[in-house]
Amino acid sequence: GQWLRADPVHLRAGLQHVTMFDGRAF
């Protein structure tokens, strides 16, 4: 079967964009 990384992230929504943070931020 197929494996993918599915890493936990924090998504921060702005007015028009979404910024994504990885484990360096939490």
mmCIF file of all heavy atoms, coordinates in Angstrom:
data_MODEL
# 
_entry.id   MODEL 
# 
loop_
_atom_site.group_PDB 
_atom_site.id 
_atom_site.type_symbol 
_atom_site.label_atom_id 
_atom_site.label_alt_id 
_atom_site.label_comp_id 
_atom_site.label_asym_id 
_atom_site.label_entity_id 
_atom_site.label_seq_id 
_atom_site.pdbx_PDB_ins_code 
_atom_site.Cartn_x 
_atom_site.Cartn_y 
_atom_site.Cartn_z 
_atom_site.occupancy 
_atom_site.B_iso_or_equiv 
_atom_site.pdbx_formal_charge 
_atom_site.auth_seq_id 
_atom_site.auth_comp_id 
_atom_site.auth_asym_id 
_atom_site.auth_atom_id 
_atom_site.pdbx_PDB_model_num 
ATOM 1   N N   . GLY A 1 1  ? 0.807  -1.209 0.000  1.00 0.00 ? 1  GLY A N   1 
ATOM 2   C CA  . GLY A 1 1  ? 0.000  0.000  0.000  1.00 0.00 ? 1  GLY A CA  1 
ATOM 3   C C   . GLY A 1 1  ? 0.840  1.257  0.000  1.00 0.00 ? 1  GLY A C   1 
ATOM 4   O O   . GLY A 1 1  ? 2.058  1.229  0.134  1.00 0.00 ? 1  GLY A O   1 
ATOM 5   N N   . GLN A 1 2  ? 0.164  2.364  -0.149 1.00 0.00 ? 2  GLN A N   1 
ATOM 6   C CA  . GLN A 1 2  ? 0.812  3.671  -0.212 1.00 0.00 ? 2  GLN A CA  1 
ATOM 7   C C   . GLN A 1 2  ? 0.851  4.304  1.176  1.00 0.00 ? 2  GLN A C   1 
ATOM 8   O O   . GLN A 1 2  ? -0.156 4.344  1.883  1.00 0.00 ? 2  GLN A O   1 
ATOM 9   C CB  . GLN A 1 2  ? 0.040  4.586  -1.167 1.00 0.00 ? 2  GLN A CB  1 
ATOM 10  C CG  . GLN A 1 2  ? 0.623  5.989  -1.289 1.00 0.00 ? 2  GLN A CG  1 
ATOM 11  C CD  . GLN A 1 2  ? -0.351 6.956  -1.950 1.00 0.00 ? 2  GLN A CD  1 
ATOM 12  O OE1 . GLN A 1 2  ? -1.546 6.966  -1.656 1.00 0.00 ? 2  GLN A OE1 1 
ATOM 13  N NE2 . GLN A 1 2  ? 0.153  7.765  -2.881 1.00 0.00 ? 2  GLN A NE2 1 
ATOM 14  N N   . TRP A 1 3  ? 2.022  4.779  1.562  1.00 0.00 ? 3  TRP A N   1 
ATOM 15  C CA  . TRP A 1 3  ? 2.150  5.549  2.790  1.00 0.00 ? 3  TRP A CA  1 
ATOM 16  C C   . TRP A 1 3  ? 2.520  6.985  2.449  1.00 0.00 ? 3  TRP A C   1 
ATOM 17  O O   . TRP A 1 3  ? 3.300  7.233  1.527  1.00 0.00 ? 3  TRP A O   1 
ATOM 18  C CB  . TRP A 1 3  ? 3.226  4.964  3.700  1.00 0.00 ? 3  TRP A CB  1 
ATOM 19  C CG  . TRP A 1 3  ? 2.801  3.745  4.453  1.00 0.00 ? 3  TRP A CG  1 
ATOM 20  C CD1 . TRP A 1 3  ? 3.060  2.445  4.137  1.00 0.00 ? 3  TRP A CD1 1 
ATOM 21  C CD2 . TRP A 1 3  ? 2.034  3.706  5.659  1.00 0.00 ? 3  TRP A CD2 1 
ATOM 22  N NE1 . TRP A 1 3  ? 2.504  1.596  5.058  1.00 0.00 ? 3  TRP A NE1 1 
ATOM 23  C CE2 . TRP A 1 3  ? 1.864  2.344  6.007  1.00 0.00 ? 3  TRP A CE2 1 
ATOM 24  C CE3 . TRP A 1 3  ? 1.467  4.681  6.471  1.00 0.00 ? 3  TRP A CE3 1 
ATOM 25  C CZ2 . TRP A 1 3  ? 1.161  1.940  7.140  1.00 0.00 ? 3  TRP A CZ2 1 
ATOM 26  C CZ3 . TRP A 1 3  ? 0.761  4.276  7.601  1.00 0.00 ? 3  TRP A CZ3 1 
ATOM 27  C CH2 . TRP A 1 3  ? 0.620  2.929  7.932  1.00 0.00 ? 3  TRP A CH2 1 
ATOM 28  N N   . LEU A 1 4  ? 1.960  7.912  3.189  1.00 0.00 ? 4  LEU A N   1 
ATOM 29  C CA  . LEU A 1 4  ? 2.320  9.317  3.093  1.00 0.00 ? 4  LEU A CA  1 
ATOM 30  C C   . LEU A 1 4  ? 2.680  9.817  4.481  1.00 0.00 ? 4  LEU A C   1 
ATOM 31  O O   . LEU A 1 4  ? 2.214  9.275  5.488  1.00 0.00 ? 4  LEU A O   1 
ATOM 32  C CB  . LEU A 1 4  ? 1.161  10.169 2.558  1.00 0.00 ? 4  LEU A CB  1 
ATOM 33  C CG  . LEU A 1 4  ? 0.563  9.834  1.211  1.00 0.00 ? 4  LEU A CG  1 
ATOM 34  C CD1 . LEU A 1 4  ? -0.680 8.968  1.384  1.00 0.00 ? 4  LEU A CD1 1 
ATOM 35  C CD2 . LEU A 1 4  ? 0.190  11.103 0.467  1.00 0.00 ? 4  LEU A CD2 1 
ATOM 36  N N   . ARG A 1 5  ? 3.533  10.842 4.548  1.00 0.00 ? 5  ARG A N   1 
ATOM 37  C CA  . ARG A 1 5  ? 3.633  11.577 5.799  1.00 0.00 ? 5  ARG A CA  1 
ATOM 38  C C   . ARG A 1 5  ? 2.350  12.372 5.956  1.00 0.00 ? 5  ARG A C   1 
ATOM 39  O O   . ARG A 1 5  ? 1.798  12.901 4.989  1.00 0.00 ? 5  ARG A O   1 
ATOM 40  C CB  . ARG A 1 5  ? 4.843  12.507 5.769  1.00 0.00 ? 5  ARG A CB  1 
ATOM 41  C CG  . ARG A 1 5  ? 6.190  11.802 5.905  1.00 0.00 ? 5  ARG A CG  1 
ATOM 42  C CD  . ARG A 1 5  ? 6.466  11.331 7.320  1.00 0.00 ? 5  ARG A CD  1 
ATOM 43  N NE  . ARG A 1 5  ? 6.715  12.431 8.226  1.00 0.00 ? 5  ARG A NE  1 
ATOM 44  C CZ  . ARG A 1 5  ? 7.914  12.912 8.518  1.00 0.00 ? 5  ARG A CZ  1 
ATOM 45  N NH1 . ARG A 1 5  ? 8.988  12.380 7.969  1.00 0.00 ? 5  ARG A NH1 1 
ATOM 46  N NH2 . ARG A 1 5  ? 8.059  13.907 9.368  1.00 0.00 ? 5  ARG A NH2 1 
ATOM 47  N N   . ALA A 1 6  ? 1.862  12.469 7.173  1.00 0.00 ? 6  ALA A N   1 
ATOM 48  C CA  . ALA A 1 6  ? 0.660  13.238 7.482  1.00 0.00 ? 6  ALA A CA  1 
ATOM 49  C C   . ALA A 1 6  ? 0.932  14.008 8.773  1.00 0.00 ? 6  ALA A C   1 
ATOM 50  O O   . ALA A 1 6  ? 0.345  13.742 9.823  1.00 0.00 ? 6  ALA A O   1 
ATOM 51  C CB  . ALA A 1 6  ? -0.549 12.326 7.639  1.00 0.00 ? 6  ALA A CB  1 
ATOM 52  N N   . ASP A 1 7  ? 1.842  14.966 8.695  1.00 0.00 ? 7  ASP A N   1 
ATOM 53  C CA  . ASP A 1 7  ? 2.389  15.585 9.899  1.00 0.00 ? 7  ASP A CA  1 
ATOM 54  C C   . ASP A 1 7  ? 1.442  16.603 10.506 1.00 0.00 ? 7  ASP A C   1 
ATOM 55  O O   . ASP A 1 7  ? 0.744  17.340 9.792  1.00 0.00 ? 7  ASP A O   1 
ATOM 56  C CB  . ASP A 1 7  ? 3.721  16.258 9.559  1.00 0.00 ? 7  ASP A CB  1 
ATOM 57  C CG  . ASP A 1 7  ? 4.786  15.246 9.190  1.00 0.00 ? 7  ASP A CG  1 
ATOM 58  O OD1 . ASP A 1 7  ? 4.791  14.145 9.777  1.00 0.00 ? 7  ASP A OD1 1 
ATOM 59  O OD2 . ASP A 1 7  ? 5.617  15.545 8.318  1.00 0.00 ? 7  ASP A OD2 1 
ATOM 60  N N   . PRO A 1 8  ? 1.414  16.672 11.846 1.00 0.00 ? 8  PRO A N   1 
ATOM 61  C CA  . PRO A 1 8  ? 0.526  17.622 12.528 1.00 0.00 ? 8  PRO A CA  1 
ATOM 62  C C   . PRO A 1 8  ? 0.997  19.054 12.302 1.00 0.00 ? 8  PRO A C   1 
ATOM 63  O O   . PRO A 1 8  ? 2.196  19.350 12.354 1.00 0.00 ? 8  PRO A O   1 
ATOM 64  C CB  . PRO A 1 8  ? 0.651  17.221 14.000 1.00 0.00 ? 8  PRO A CB  1 
ATOM 65  C CG  . PRO A 1 8  ? 2.024  16.605 14.106 1.00 0.00 ? 8  PRO A CG  1 
ATOM 66  C CD  . PRO A 1 8  ? 2.240  15.899 12.798 1.00 0.00 ? 8  PRO A CD  1 
ATOM 67  N N   . VAL A 1 9  ? 0.042  19.936 12.059 1.00 0.00 ? 9  VAL A N   1 
ATOM 68  C CA  . VAL A 1 9  ? 0.356  21.342 11.818 1.00 0.00 ? 9  VAL A CA  1 
ATOM 69  C C   . VAL A 1 9  ? -0.664 22.218 12.532 1.00 0.00 ? 9  VAL A C   1 
ATOM 70  O O   . VAL A 1 9  ? -1.753 21.766 12.925 1.00 0.00 ? 9  VAL A O   1 
ATOM 71  C CB  . VAL A 1 9  ? 0.358  21.683 10.306 1.00 0.00 ? 9  VAL A CB  1 
ATOM 72  C CG1 . VAL A 1 9  ? 1.452  20.907 9.585  1.00 0.00 ? 9  VAL A CG1 1 
ATOM 73  C CG2 . VAL A 1 9  ? -1.009 21.415 9.675  1.00 0.00 ? 9  VAL A CG2 1 
ATOM 74  N N   . HIS A 1 10 ? -0.275 23.473 12.690 1.00 0.00 ? 10 HIS A N   1 
ATOM 75  C CA  . HIS A 1 10 ? -1.216 24.494 13.161 1.00 0.00 ? 10 HIS A CA  1 
ATOM 76  C C   . HIS A 1 10 ? -1.485 25.437 12.004 1.00 0.00 ? 10 HIS A C   1 
ATOM 77  O O   . HIS A 1 10 ? -0.554 25.990 11.402 1.00 0.00 ? 10 HIS A O   1 
ATOM 78  C CB  . HIS A 1 10 ? -0.633 25.280 14.336 1.00 0.00 ? 10 HIS A CB  1 
ATOM 79  C CG  . HIS A 1 10 ? -1.478 26.459 14.723 1.00 0.00 ? 10 HIS A CG  1 
ATOM 80  N ND1 . HIS A 1 10 ? -2.685 26.339 15.358 1.00 0.00 ? 10 HIS A ND1 1 
ATOM 81  C CD2 . HIS A 1 10 ? -1.297 27.802 14.516 1.00 0.00 ? 10 HIS A CD2 1 
ATOM 82  C CE1 . HIS A 1 10 ? -3.209 27.530 15.551 1.00 0.00 ? 10 HIS A CE1 1 
ATOM 83  N NE2 . HIS A 1 10 ? -2.383 28.434 15.049 1.00 0.00 ? 10 HIS A NE2 1 
ATOM 84  N N   . LEU A 1 11 ? -2.758 25.607 11.677 1.00 0.00 ? 11 LEU A N   1 
ATOM 85  C CA  . LEU A 1 11 ? -3.190 26.491 10.602 1.00 0.00 ? 11 LEU A CA  1 
ATOM 86  C C   . LEU A 1 11 ? -3.765 27.762 11.216 1.00 0.00 ? 11 LEU A C   1 
ATOM 87  O O   . LEU A 1 11 ? -4.660 27.708 12.068 1.00 0.00 ? 11 LEU A O   1 
ATOM 88  C CB  . LEU A 1 11 ? -4.249 25.806 9.739  1.00 0.00 ? 11 LEU A CB  1 
ATOM 89  C CG  . LEU A 1 11 ? -3.814 24.490 9.096  1.00 0.00 ? 11 LEU A CG  1 
ATOM 90  C CD1 . LEU A 1 11 ? -4.998 23.797 8.449  1.00 0.00 ? 11 LEU A CD1 1 
ATOM 91  C CD2 . LEU A 1 11 ? -2.700 24.720 8.085  1.00 0.00 ? 11 LEU A CD2 1 
ATOM 92  N N   . ARG A 1 12 ? -3.240 28.907 10.767 1.00 0.00 ? 12 ARG A N   1 
ATOM 93  C CA  . ARG A 1 12 ? -3.717 30.196 11.294 1.00 0.00 ? 12 ARG A CA  1 
ATOM 94  C C   . ARG A 1 12 ? -4.359 30.973 10.153 1.00 0.00 ? 12 ARG A C   1 
ATOM 95  O O   . ARG A 1 12 ? -3.687 31.306 9.162  1.00 0.00 ? 12 ARG A O   1 
ATOM 96  C CB  . ARG A 1 12 ? -2.567 30.990 11.900 1.00 0.00 ? 12 ARG A CB  1 
ATOM 97  C CG  . ARG A 1 12 ? -2.974 32.342 12.480 1.00 0.00 ? 12 ARG A CG  1 
ATOM 98  C CD  . ARG A 1 12 ? -1.798 33.011 13.142 1.00 0.00 ? 12 ARG A CD  1 
ATOM 99  N NE  . ARG A 1 12 ? -1.302 32.210 14.257 1.00 0.00 ? 12 ARG A NE  1 
ATOM 100 C CZ  . ARG A 1 12 ? -0.136 32.433 14.856 1.00 0.00 ? 12 ARG A CZ  1 
ATOM 101 N NH1 . ARG A 1 12 ? 0.669  33.397 14.431 1.00 0.00 ? 12 ARG A NH1 1 
ATOM 102 N NH2 . ARG A 1 12 ? 0.244  31.663 15.866 1.00 0.00 ? 12 ARG A NH2 1 
ATOM 103 N N   . ALA A 1 13 ? -5.640 31.227 10.286 1.00 0.00 ? 13 ALA A N   1 
ATOM 104 C CA  . ALA A 1 13 ? -6.376 31.912 9.230  1.00 0.00 ? 13 ALA A CA  1 
ATOM 105 C C   . ALA A 1 13 ? -6.272 33.425 9.393  1.00 0.00 ? 13 ALA A C   1 
ATOM 106 O O   . ALA A 1 13 ? -6.496 33.965 10.488 1.00 0.00 ? 13 ALA A O   1 
ATOM 107 C CB  . ALA A 1 13 ? -7.839 31.486 9.247  1.00 0.00 ? 13 ALA A CB  1 
ATOM 108 N N   . GLY A 1 14 ? -5.922 34.106 8.284  1.00 0.00 ? 14 GLY A N   1 
ATOM 109 C CA  . GLY A 1 14 ? -5.944 35.556 8.234  1.00 0.00 ? 14 GLY A CA  1 
ATOM 110 C C   . GLY A 1 14 ? -7.159 36.025 7.454  1.00 0.00 ? 14 GLY A C   1 
ATOM 111 O O   . GLY A 1 14 ? -8.081 35.257 7.185  1.00 0.00 ? 14 GLY A O   1 
ATOM 112 N N   . LEU A 1 15 ? -7.156 37.284 7.077  1.00 0.00 ? 15 LEU A N   1 
ATOM 113 C CA  . LEU A 1 15 ? -8.287 37.819 6.338  1.00 0.00 ? 15 LEU A CA  1 
ATOM 114 C C   . LEU A 1 15 ? -8.397 37.195 4.959  1.00 0.00 ? 15 LEU A C   1 
ATOM 115 O O   . LEU A 1 15 ? -9.496 36.916 4.475  1.00 0.00 ? 15 LEU A O   1 
ATOM 116 C CB  . LEU A 1 15 ? -8.152 39.350 6.217  1.00 0.00 ? 15 LEU A CB  1 
ATOM 117 C CG  . LEU A 1 15 ? -8.302 40.137 7.525  1.00 0.00 ? 15 LEU A CG  1 
ATOM 118 C CD1 . LEU A 1 15 ? -8.085 41.621 7.272  1.00 0.00 ? 15 LEU A CD1 1 
ATOM 119 C CD2 . LEU A 1 15 ? -9.682 39.901 8.136  1.00 0.00 ? 15 LEU A CD2 1 
ATOM 120 N N   . GLN A 1 16 ? -7.243 36.959 4.314  1.00 0.00 ? 16 GLN A N   1 
ATOM 121 C CA  . GLN A 1 16 ? -7.270 36.423 2.955  1.00 0.00 ? 16 GLN A CA  1 
ATOM 122 C C   . GLN A 1 16 ? -6.386 35.193 2.769  1.00 0.00 ? 16 GLN A C   1 
ATOM 123 O O   . GLN A 1 16 ? -6.453 34.561 1.719  1.00 0.00 ? 16 GLN A O   1 
ATOM 124 C CB  . GLN A 1 16 ? -6.831 37.511 1.961  1.00 0.00 ? 16 GLN A CB  1 
ATOM 125 C CG  . GLN A 1 16 ? -7.773 38.710 1.913  1.00 0.00 ? 16 GLN A CG  1 
ATOM 126 C CD  . GLN A 1 16 ? -7.316 39.759 0.916  1.00 0.00 ? 16 GLN A CD  1 
ATOM 127 O OE1 . GLN A 1 16 ? -6.122 39.920 0.681  1.00 0.00 ? 16 GLN A OE1 1 
ATOM 128 N NE2 . GLN A 1 16 ? -8.266 40.471 0.329  1.00 0.00 ? 16 GLN A NE2 1 
ATOM 129 N N   . HIS A 1 17 ? -5.578 34.862 3.757  1.00 0.00 ? 17 HIS A N   1 
ATOM 130 C CA  . HIS A 1 17 ? -4.625 33.774 3.596  1.00 0.00 ? 17 HIS A CA  1 
ATOM 131 C C   . HIS A 1 17 ? -4.616 32.896 4.845  1.00 0.00 ? 17 HIS A C   1 
ATOM 132 O O   . HIS A 1 17 ? -5.045 33.307 5.924  1.00 0.00 ? 17 HIS A O   1 
ATOM 133 C CB  . HIS A 1 17 ? -3.205 34.317 3.352  1.00 0.00 ? 17 HIS A CB  1 
ATOM 134 C CG  . HIS A 1 17 ? -3.085 35.151 2.119  1.00 0.00 ? 17 HIS A CG  1 
ATOM 135 N ND1 . HIS A 1 17 ? -3.053 34.617 0.854  1.00 0.00 ? 17 HIS A ND1 1 
ATOM 136 C CD2 . HIS A 1 17 ? -2.992 36.498 1.959  1.00 0.00 ? 17 HIS A CD2 1 
ATOM 137 C CE1 . HIS A 1 17 ? -2.939 35.582 -0.033 1.00 0.00 ? 17 HIS A CE1 1 
ATOM 138 N NE2 . HIS A 1 17 ? -2.898 36.739 0.615  1.00 0.00 ? 17 HIS A NE2 1 
ATOM 139 N N   . VAL A 1 18 ? -4.083 31.697 4.673  1.00 0.00 ? 18 VAL A N   1 
ATOM 140 C CA  . VAL A 1 18 ? -3.859 30.764 5.774  1.00 0.00 ? 18 VAL A CA  1 
ATOM 141 C C   . VAL A 1 18 ? -2.359 30.501 5.862  1.00 0.00 ? 18 VAL A C   1 
ATOM 142 O O   . VAL A 1 18 ? -1.714 30.208 4.854  1.00 0.00 ? 18 VAL A O   1 
ATOM 143 C CB  . VAL A 1 18 ? -4.619 29.444 5.556  1.00 0.00 ? 18 VAL A CB  1 
ATOM 144 C CG1 . VAL A 1 18 ? -4.268 28.438 6.656  1.00 0.00 ? 18 VAL A CG1 1 
ATOM 145 C CG2 . VAL A 1 18 ? -6.126 29.689 5.537  1.00 0.00 ? 18 VAL A CG2 1 
ATOM 146 N N   . THR A 1 19 ? -1.802 30.625 7.067  1.00 0.00 ? 19 THR A N   1 
ATOM 147 C CA  . THR A 1 19 ? -0.393 30.338 7.307  1.00 0.00 ? 19 THR A CA  1 
ATOM 148 C C   . THR A 1 19 ? -0.289 29.016 8.058  1.00 0.00 ? 19 THR A C   1 
ATOM 149 O O   . THR A 1 19 ? -1.088 28.752 8.968  1.00 0.00 ? 19 THR A O   1 
ATOM 150 C CB  . THR A 1 19 ? 0.265  31.457 8.133  1.00 0.00 ? 19 THR A CB  1 
ATOM 151 O OG1 . THR A 1 19 ? 0.035  32.711 7.490  1.00 0.00 ? 19 THR A OG1 1 
ATOM 152 C CG2 . THR A 1 19 ? 1.767  31.221 8.250  1.00 0.00 ? 19 THR A CG2 1 
ATOM 153 N N   . MET A 1 20 ? 0.691  28.198 7.665  1.00 0.00 ? 20 MET A N   1 
ATOM 154 C CA  . MET A 1 20 ? 0.846  26.879 8.275  1.00 0.00 ? 20 MET A CA  1 
ATOM 155 C C   . MET A 1 20 ? 2.154  26.819 9.073  1.00 0.00 ? 20 MET A C   1 
ATOM 156 O O   . MET A 1 20 ? 3.198  27.247 8.595  1.00 0.00 ? 20 MET A O   1 
ATOM 157 C CB  . MET A 1 20 ? 0.860  25.782 7.195  1.00 0.00 ? 20 MET A CB  1 
ATOM 158 C CG  . MET A 1 20 ? 0.966  24.383 7.765  1.00 0.00 ? 20 MET A CG  1 
ATOM 159 S SD  . MET A 1 20 ? 0.661  23.125 6.511  1.00 0.00 ? 20 MET A SD  1 
ATOM 160 C CE  . MET A 1 20 ? 2.049  23.409 5.416  1.00 0.00 ? 20 MET A CE  1 
ATOM 161 N N   . PHE A 1 21 ? 2.056  26.272 10.283 1.00 0.00 ? 21 PHE A N   1 
ATOM 162 C CA  . PHE A 1 21 ? 3.210  26.146 11.165 1.00 0.00 ? 21 PHE A CA  1 
ATOM 163 C C   . PHE A 1 21 ? 3.429  24.673 11.501 1.00 0.00 ? 21 PHE A C   1 
ATOM 164 O O   . PHE A 1 21 ? 2.482  23.933 11.758 1.00 0.00 ? 21 PHE A O   1 
ATOM 165 C CB  . PHE A 1 21 ? 3.000  26.945 12.459 1.00 0.00 ? 21 PHE A CB  1 
ATOM 166 C CG  . PHE A 1 21 ? 2.830  28.423 12.234 1.00 0.00 ? 21 PHE A CG  1 
ATOM 167 C CD1 . PHE A 1 21 ? 1.563  28.965 12.074 1.00 0.00 ? 21 PHE A CD1 1 
ATOM 168 C CD2 . PHE A 1 21 ? 3.931  29.253 12.165 1.00 0.00 ? 21 PHE A CD2 1 
ATOM 169 C CE1 . PHE A 1 21 ? 1.395  30.322 11.862 1.00 0.00 ? 21 PHE A CE1 1 
ATOM 170 C CE2 . PHE A 1 21 ? 3.780  30.618 11.947 1.00 0.00 ? 21 PHE A CE2 1 
ATOM 171 C CZ  . PHE A 1 21 ? 2.510  31.156 11.796 1.00 0.00 ? 21 PHE A CZ  1 
ATOM 172 N N   . ASP A 1 22 ? 4.698  24.261 11.498 1.00 0.00 ? 22 ASP A N   1 
ATOM 173 C CA  . ASP A 1 22 ? 5.031  22.878 11.842 1.00 0.00 ? 22 ASP A CA  1 
ATOM 174 C C   . ASP A 1 22 ? 5.551  22.808 13.264 1.00 0.00 ? 22 ASP A C   1 
ATOM 175 O O   . ASP A 1 22 ? 5.421  23.761 14.041 1.00 0.00 ? 22 ASP A O   1 
ATOM 176 C CB  . ASP A 1 22 ? 6.028  22.298 10.833 1.00 0.00 ? 22 ASP A CB  1 
ATOM 177 C CG  . ASP A 1 22 ? 7.379  23.019 10.851 1.00 0.00 ? 22 ASP A CG  1 
ATOM 178 O OD1 . ASP A 1 22 ? 7.586  23.925 11.689 1.00 0.00 ? 22 ASP A OD1 1 
ATOM 179 O OD2 . ASP A 1 22 ? 8.243  22.671 10.027 1.00 0.00 ? 22 ASP A OD2 1 
ATOM 180 N N   . GLY A 1 23 ? 6.159  21.677 13.625 1.00 0.00 ? 23 GLY A N   1 
ATOM 181 C CA  . GLY A 1 23 ? 6.586  21.437 14.992 1.00 0.00 ? 23 GLY A CA  1 
ATOM 182 C C   . GLY A 1 23 ? 7.667  22.358 15.507 1.00 0.00 ? 23 GLY A C   1 
ATOM 183 O O   . GLY A 1 23 ? 7.966  22.331 16.703 1.00 0.00 ? 23 GLY A O   1 
ATOM 184 N N   . ARG A 1 24 ? 8.258  23.179 14.649 1.00 0.00 ? 24 ARG A N   1 
ATOM 185 C CA  . ARG A 1 24 ? 9.201  24.182 15.146 1.00 0.00 ? 24 ARG A CA  1 
ATOM 186 C C   . ARG A 1 24 ? 8.478  25.282 15.920 1.00 0.00 ? 24 ARG A C   1 
ATOM 187 O O   . ARG A 1 24 ? 9.120  26.023 16.673 1.00 0.00 ? 24 ARG A O   1 
ATOM 188 C CB  . ARG A 1 24 ? 9.982  24.790 13.982 1.00 0.00 ? 24 ARG A CB  1 
ATOM 189 C CG  . ARG A 1 24 ? 10.945 23.824 13.315 1.00 0.00 ? 24 ARG A CG  1 
ATOM 190 C CD  . ARG A 1 24 ? 11.531 24.386 12.042 1.00 0.00 ? 24 ARG A CD  1 
ATOM 191 N NE  . ARG A 1 24 ? 10.500 24.550 11.012 1.00 0.00 ? 24 ARG A NE  1 
ATOM 192 C CZ  . ARG A 1 24 ? 10.736 24.988 9.784  1.00 0.00 ? 24 ARG A CZ  1 
ATOM 193 N NH1 . ARG A 1 24 ? 11.970 25.333 9.441  1.00 0.00 ? 24 ARG A NH1 1 
ATOM 194 N NH2 . ARG A 1 24 ? 9.753  25.105 8.910  1.00 0.00 ? 24 ARG A NH2 1 
ATOM 195 N N   . ALA A 1 25 ? 7.163  25.397 15.733 1.00 0.00 ? 25 ALA A N   1 
ATOM 196 C CA  . ALA A 1 25 ? 6.398  26.469 16.377 1.00 0.00 ? 25 ALA A CA  1 
ATOM 197 C C   . ALA A 1 25 ? 5.620  25.982 17.595 1.00 0.00 ? 25 ALA A C   1 
ATOM 198 O O   . ALA A 1 25 ? 5.021  26.794 18.304 1.00 0.00 ? 25 ALA A O   1 
ATOM 199 C CB  . ALA A 1 25 ? 5.439  27.101 15.373 1.00 0.00 ? 25 ALA A CB  1 
ATOM 200 N N   . PHE A 1 26 ? 5.591  24.676 17.848 1.00 0.00 ? 26 PHE A N   1 
ATOM 201 C CA  . PHE A 1 26 ? 4.831  24.156 18.984 1.00 0.00 ? 26 PHE A CA  1 
ATOM 202 C C   . PHE A 1 26 ? 5.456  22.856 19.466 1.00 0.00 ? 26 PHE A C   1 
ATOM 203 O O   . PHE A 1 26 ? 6.213  22.203 18.744 1.00 0.00 ? 26 PHE A O   1 
ATOM 204 C CB  . PHE A 1 26 ? 3.361  23.918 18.606 1.00 0.00 ? 26 PHE A CB  1 
ATOM 205 C CG  . PHE A 1 26 ? 3.154  23.003 17.424 1.00 0.00 ? 26 PHE A CG  1 
ATOM 206 C CD1 . PHE A 1 26 ? 3.241  21.619 17.536 1.00 0.00 ? 26 PHE A CD1 1 
ATOM 207 C CD2 . PHE A 1 26 ? 2.874  23.540 16.174 1.00 0.00 ? 26 PHE A CD2 1 
ATOM 208 C CE1 . PHE A 1 26 ? 3.052  20.781 16.452 1.00 0.00 ? 26 PHE A CE1 1 
ATOM 209 C CE2 . PHE A 1 26 ? 2.684  22.704 15.068 1.00 0.00 ? 26 PHE A CE2 1 
ATOM 210 C CZ  . PHE A 1 26 ? 2.774  21.331 15.212 1.00 0.00 ? 26 PHE A CZ  1 
# 
